[in-house]
Amino acid sequence: MHDEPTRLDLEAFRGFTVEGRDGVVGKITDVLFHLAPWTVAYIVVDTGSWLTGRRTLLSPQSFREIDLASKKIRCDLDRDRIDASPVIEERAPVTRTIALEVDRYYHWHDIWITGGPIFAHPPLVEPIREGPGDTVVEVHESVEDDFQLYSARDLESFTVKAVGGEKCGTVKSFVIDMQRWRVAHVVLSSGWLLHERLIVAPVHLVHRVDPYAREVELSASRHEIVEAPSFQEISSLNPRQDRAIRTYFAGAVV
């Protein structure tokens, strides 16, 4: 059990079924998070024909059980409670105002004060100390002051650059820490379509994100990134794989 996967690739996480107290709520389609400290604020649930034309946001604070084998998450909410929750339009950004409305409706702890949800029970593992420094988000005057959450889906296909601006791939996905509900790694796609290499880098190496240029910059050289151990496919990481990735990037420029 020591090598049991505890971190899932977002592609594997999508499609998990969310069950409430009285039945199925829907399936997970996306994750919304803060860029620093990369805490998961909400999962986005597609309710299908039940609540057509809207998104449902659920905080990890409402989860009571995660069943990796059956790909299910069980929450402490019933369908009527979710049905009466604030409406989140399908393609509308989740602003601070909207998030506060959702949090107050469910009586969840305010994620905008803490940078992430507060759990009733401590995480099962000790927090990993990341490298120094925070992710810098390029700010443009046209951006609303209260827009602070980012969608994992929106960041996919962003160009990934190394220190010095050298291109080294694109964002393919993210790896989610299912115990602490944090984004643990960014998955890069490098190489050609028929010879794609997937490189997994600790998310604390993300130094800069520019949503308008659609760029992500890592605090590592291009050589360190492209020569990192790669995967042909990835659905999860066990603790041994996670340690190997962190050990490799331990000497990266930060």
Protein backbone atom coordinates (compact mmCIF):
# COMPACT_ATOMS: atom_id res chain seq x y z
CA MET A 1 0.00 0.00 0.00
CA HIS A 2 3.01 2.24 0.30
CA ASP A 3 2.94 3.00 -3.41
CA GLU A 4 -0.82 3.51 -3.66
CA PRO A 5 -1.54 6.50 -5.95
CA THR A 6 -2.47 9.62 -3.99
CA ARG A 7 -2.22 12.15 -6.80
CA LEU A 8 -4.37 12.04 -9.91
CA ASP A 9 -3.85 13.60 -13.30
CA LEU A 10 -6.71 15.97 -14.05
CA GLU A 11 -7.62 13.99 -17.16
CA ALA A 12 -8.20 10.93 -14.96
CA PHE A 13 -10.09 13.04 -12.38
CA ARG A 14 -12.50 14.38 -14.96
CA GLY A 15 -15.46 12.09 -15.24
CA PHE A 16 -15.51 11.12 -11.56
CA THR A 17 -19.09 10.83 -10.37
CA VAL A 18 -20.20 13.06 -7.50
CA GLU A 19 -22.87 11.56 -5.26
CA GLY A 20 -24.94 13.50 -2.75
CA ARG A 21 -26.87 12.12 0.20
CA ASP A 22 -29.84 11.23 -1.99
CA GLY A 23 -28.38 10.36 -5.36
CA VAL A 24 -26.02 11.28 -8.17
CA VAL A 25 -25.20 14.99 -8.56
CA GLY A 26 -23.17 14.78 -11.77
CA LYS A 27 -19.67 14.35 -13.16
CA ILE A 28 -16.53 16.41 -12.61
CA THR A 29 -15.46 18.48 -15.61
CA ASP A 30 -12.92 20.96 -14.23
CA VAL A 31 -11.05 22.31 -11.21
CA LEU A 32 -10.83 25.96 -10.12
CA PHE A 33 -7.82 27.02 -8.07
CA HIS A 34 -5.68 29.88 -6.81
CA LEU A 35 -2.34 30.19 -8.62
CA ALA A 36 -0.59 30.71 -5.32
CA PRO A 37 -0.59 28.70 -3.12
CA TRP A 38 -2.23 26.42 -5.75
CA THR A 39 -5.10 25.36 -3.52
CA VAL A 40 -8.22 23.86 -5.08
CA ALA A 41 -11.16 26.15 -4.38
CA TYR A 42 -13.91 24.28 -6.22
CA ILE A 43 -14.54 21.39 -8.51
CA VAL A 44 -16.91 22.03 -11.40
CA VAL A 45 -19.69 19.48 -11.76
CA ASP A 46 -21.73 18.91 -14.91
CA THR A 47 -25.21 18.01 -13.68
CA GLY A 48 -26.34 16.84 -17.13
CA SER A 49 -30.08 16.90 -17.76
CA TRP A 50 -30.84 17.40 -14.07
CA LEU A 51 -29.81 21.08 -13.95
CA THR A 52 -29.45 21.96 -17.63
CA GLY A 53 -27.44 25.00 -18.70
CA ARG A 54 -25.56 25.75 -15.51
CA ARG A 55 -22.47 24.72 -13.60
CA THR A 56 -22.43 23.49 -10.05
CA LEU A 57 -19.47 24.45 -7.86
CA LEU A 58 -18.59 22.22 -4.92
CA SER A 59 -15.87 22.86 -2.38
CA PRO A 60 -13.71 19.99 -1.08
CA GLN A 61 -15.08 21.05 2.31
CA SER A 62 -18.28 19.20 1.40
CA PHE A 63 -16.58 15.90 0.52
CA ARG A 64 -16.81 13.02 2.98
CA GLU A 65 -15.41 10.11 0.95
CA ILE A 66 -13.29 9.56 -2.14
CA ASP A 67 -13.46 6.16 -3.80
CA LEU A 68 -10.64 5.96 -6.33
CA ALA A 69 -11.49 2.42 -7.40
CA SER A 70 -15.04 3.28 -8.44
CA LYS A 71 -14.17 6.87 -9.41
CA LYS A 72 -16.70 8.43 -7.06
CA ILE A 73 -16.74 11.34 -4.63
CA ARG A 74 -19.46 11.44 -1.99
CA CYS A 75 -20.48 14.78 -0.50
CA ASP A 76 -22.57 15.86 2.49
CA LEU A 77 -25.19 17.69 0.44
CA ASP A 78 -28.54 16.66 -0.94
CA ARG A 79 -29.82 17.43 -4.42
CA ASP A 80 -32.41 19.97 -3.26
CA ARG A 81 -29.69 21.95 -1.51
CA ILE A 82 -27.55 21.97 -4.64
CA ASP A 83 -30.56 22.78 -6.85
CA ALA A 84 -31.22 25.96 -4.83
CA SER A 85 -27.59 27.10 -4.89
CA PRO A 86 -26.53 30.31 -6.70
CA VAL A 87 -26.66 29.92 -10.47
CA ILE A 88 -23.25 29.77 -12.19
CA GLU A 89 -23.66 30.29 -15.90
CA GLU A 90 -21.93 27.82 -18.19
CA ARG A 91 -19.12 30.02 -19.54
CA ALA A 92 -19.11 32.91 -17.08
CA PRO A 93 -15.89 33.53 -15.08
CA VAL A 94 -16.07 32.81 -11.36
CA THR A 95 -15.36 36.17 -9.76
CA ARG A 96 -14.81 36.89 -6.12
CA THR A 97 -18.37 38.17 -5.85
CA ILE A 98 -19.79 34.90 -7.20
CA ALA A 99 -17.51 32.78 -5.01
CA LEU A 100 -18.51 34.69 -1.87
CA GLU A 101 -22.17 34.17 -2.74
CA VAL A 102 -21.62 30.40 -3.13
CA ASP A 103 -19.58 30.18 0.09
CA ARG A 104 -22.19 32.05 2.11
CA TYR A 105 -25.01 29.92 0.73
CA TYR A 106 -23.30 26.70 1.82
CA HIS A 107 -21.72 28.27 4.95
CA TRP A 108 -18.27 27.30 3.72
CA HIS A 109 -15.15 28.94 5.07
CA ASP A 110 -14.19 31.99 3.02
CA ILE A 111 -11.55 30.82 0.51
CA TRP A 112 -10.71 34.42 -0.39
CA ILE A 113 -9.31 35.07 3.07
CA THR A 114 -7.31 31.87 3.52
CA GLY A 115 -6.33 31.14 -0.08
CA GLY A 116 -7.93 27.73 0.23
CA PRO A 117 -10.51 25.68 2.07
CA ILE A 118 -10.24 24.79 5.73
CA PHE A 119 -10.80 21.10 6.42
CA ALA A 120 -12.55 19.55 9.39
CA HIS A 121 -9.79 16.93 9.55
CA PRO A 122 -6.05 17.49 9.02
CA PRO A 123 -4.39 16.14 5.85
CA LEU A 124 -3.15 12.56 6.00
CA VAL A 125 0.42 13.57 5.20
CA GLU A 126 2.63 16.42 6.32
CA PRO A 127 2.75 19.42 3.96
CA ILE A 128 5.72 19.43 1.58
CA ARG A 129 7.83 22.54 1.82
CA GLU A 130 8.04 24.07 -1.62
CA GLY A 131 10.72 26.31 -3.09
CA PRO A 132 10.82 30.01 -2.19
CA GLY A 133 8.90 32.64 -4.10
CA ASP A 134 5.35 32.99 -5.37
CA THR A 135 3.82 32.68 -8.81
CA VAL A 136 3.63 36.04 -10.55
CA VAL A 137 0.45 36.66 -12.51
CA GLU A 138 0.69 39.25 -15.25
CA VAL A 139 -2.00 41.87 -14.59
CA HIS A 140 -3.69 43.76 -17.41
CA GLU A 141 -5.86 46.82 -16.91
CA SER A 142 -8.85 45.15 -18.56
CA VAL A 143 -8.95 42.36 -16.00
CA GLU A 144 -11.59 42.69 -13.28
CA ASP A 145 -10.05 43.39 -9.90
CA ASP A 146 -11.95 40.53 -8.27
CA PHE A 147 -11.14 37.81 -10.82
CA GLN A 148 -8.70 35.55 -8.99
CA LEU A 149 -9.68 31.94 -9.68
CA TYR A 150 -8.23 30.00 -12.58
CA SER A 151 -9.65 27.04 -14.45
CA ALA A 152 -7.33 24.12 -15.12
CA ARG A 153 -9.02 23.66 -18.48
CA ASP A 154 -8.35 27.30 -19.43
CA LEU A 155 -4.61 26.95 -18.71
CA GLU A 156 -4.24 23.83 -20.83
CA SER A 157 -2.38 24.48 -24.12
CA PHE A 158 -0.55 27.51 -22.64
CA THR A 159 3.01 27.76 -23.95
CA VAL A 160 5.60 26.71 -21.36
CA LYS A 161 8.85 28.67 -21.29
CA ALA A 162 12.03 28.11 -19.34
CA VAL A 163 14.23 30.71 -17.66
CA GLY A 164 15.32 33.10 -20.40
CA GLY A 165 12.13 32.68 -22.39
CA GLU A 166 13.02 29.51 -24.30
CA LYS A 167 9.98 27.49 -25.34
CA CYS A 168 9.97 23.91 -24.08
CA GLY A 169 6.41 22.66 -24.57
CA THR A 170 2.78 23.31 -23.72
CA VAL A 171 0.62 22.72 -20.65
CA LYS A 172 -1.08 19.36 -21.05
CA SER A 173 -2.70 18.90 -17.65
CA PHE A 174 -2.21 19.13 -13.88
CA VAL A 175 -1.76 16.57 -11.13
CA ILE A 176 -4.09 17.02 -8.16
CA ASP A 177 -3.12 16.09 -4.59
CA MET A 178 -6.26 14.29 -3.44
CA GLN A 179 -5.29 14.41 0.24
CA ARG A 180 -4.64 18.13 0.59
CA TRP A 181 -6.64 19.36 -2.41
CA ARG A 182 -3.77 21.21 -3.97
CA VAL A 183 -2.35 21.30 -7.47
CA ALA A 184 0.89 19.35 -7.04
CA HIS A 185 2.40 19.24 -10.54
CA VAL A 186 2.03 20.71 -13.99
CA VAL A 187 2.16 18.23 -16.89
CA LEU A 188 3.99 19.45 -19.99
CA SER A 189 3.66 18.09 -23.49
CA SER A 190 6.94 18.11 -25.39
CA GLY A 191 7.80 16.71 -28.79
CA TRP A 192 5.74 15.99 -31.88
CA LEU A 193 2.22 14.61 -31.94
CA LEU A 194 3.28 11.03 -32.72
CA HIS A 195 6.26 11.25 -30.37
CA GLU A 196 4.76 13.16 -27.46
CA ARG A 197 6.67 13.16 -24.19
CA LEU A 198 4.90 14.08 -20.96
CA ILE A 199 7.08 15.85 -18.42
CA VAL A 200 5.82 16.33 -14.87
CA ALA A 201 7.23 19.31 -12.96
CA PRO A 202 6.45 20.43 -9.38
CA VAL A 203 4.02 23.31 -9.54
CA HIS A 204 6.13 25.52 -7.26
CA LEU A 205 8.49 25.93 -10.24
CA VAL A 206 5.80 27.96 -12.02
CA HIS A 207 7.24 31.46 -11.76
CA ARG A 208 4.97 33.47 -14.03
CA VAL A 209 1.57 33.08 -15.67
CA ASP A 210 0.36 35.47 -18.38
CA PRO A 211 -3.28 34.67 -19.27
CA TYR A 212 -3.29 37.10 -22.22
CA ALA A 213 -0.07 35.86 -23.83
CA ARG A 214 -1.15 32.33 -22.81
CA GLU A 215 2.28 31.63 -21.35
CA VAL A 216 3.63 29.86 -18.29
CA GLU A 217 7.25 30.33 -17.22
CA LEU A 218 9.10 27.81 -15.07
CA SER A 219 12.05 28.59 -12.80
CA ALA A 220 14.24 25.99 -14.51
CA SER A 221 16.49 25.91 -17.56
CA ARG A 222 15.29 24.45 -20.84
CA HIS A 223 17.88 21.67 -20.50
CA GLU A 224 16.57 20.72 -17.04
CA ILE A 225 13.02 20.60 -18.33
CA VAL A 226 13.45 18.71 -21.60
CA GLU A 227 15.90 16.21 -20.06
CA ALA A 228 13.58 15.41 -17.14
CA PRO A 229 12.20 11.87 -16.83
CA SER A 230 9.17 11.57 -19.09
CA PHE A 231 6.00 9.52 -19.38
CA GLN A 232 4.12 8.27 -22.42
CA GLU A 233 0.92 8.54 -20.44
CA ILE A 234 0.02 9.44 -16.90
CA SER A 235 -3.13 8.96 -14.86
CA SER A 236 -1.72 9.05 -11.33
CA LEU A 237 1.46 9.36 -9.29
CA ASN A 238 2.34 7.25 -6.29
CA PRO A 239 4.60 8.60 -3.49
CA ARG A 240 7.70 6.96 -4.99
CA GLN A 241 7.16 8.64 -8.37
CA ASP A 242 6.39 11.94 -6.70
CA ARG A 243 9.64 11.86 -4.72
CA ALA A 244 11.63 10.99 -7.84
CA ILE A 245 10.22 14.00 -9.71
CA ARG A 246 10.92 16.36 -6.82
CA THR A 247 14.42 15.00 -6.38
CA TYR A 248 15.21 15.57 -10.06
CA PHE A 249 14.04 19.20 -9.99
CA ALA A 250 15.55 19.94 -6.56
CA GLY A 251 18.53 21.71 -8.15
CA ALA A 252 16.47 23.81 -10.55
CA VAL A 253 16.93 27.56 -10.59
CA VAL A 254 14.41 29.15 -8.19
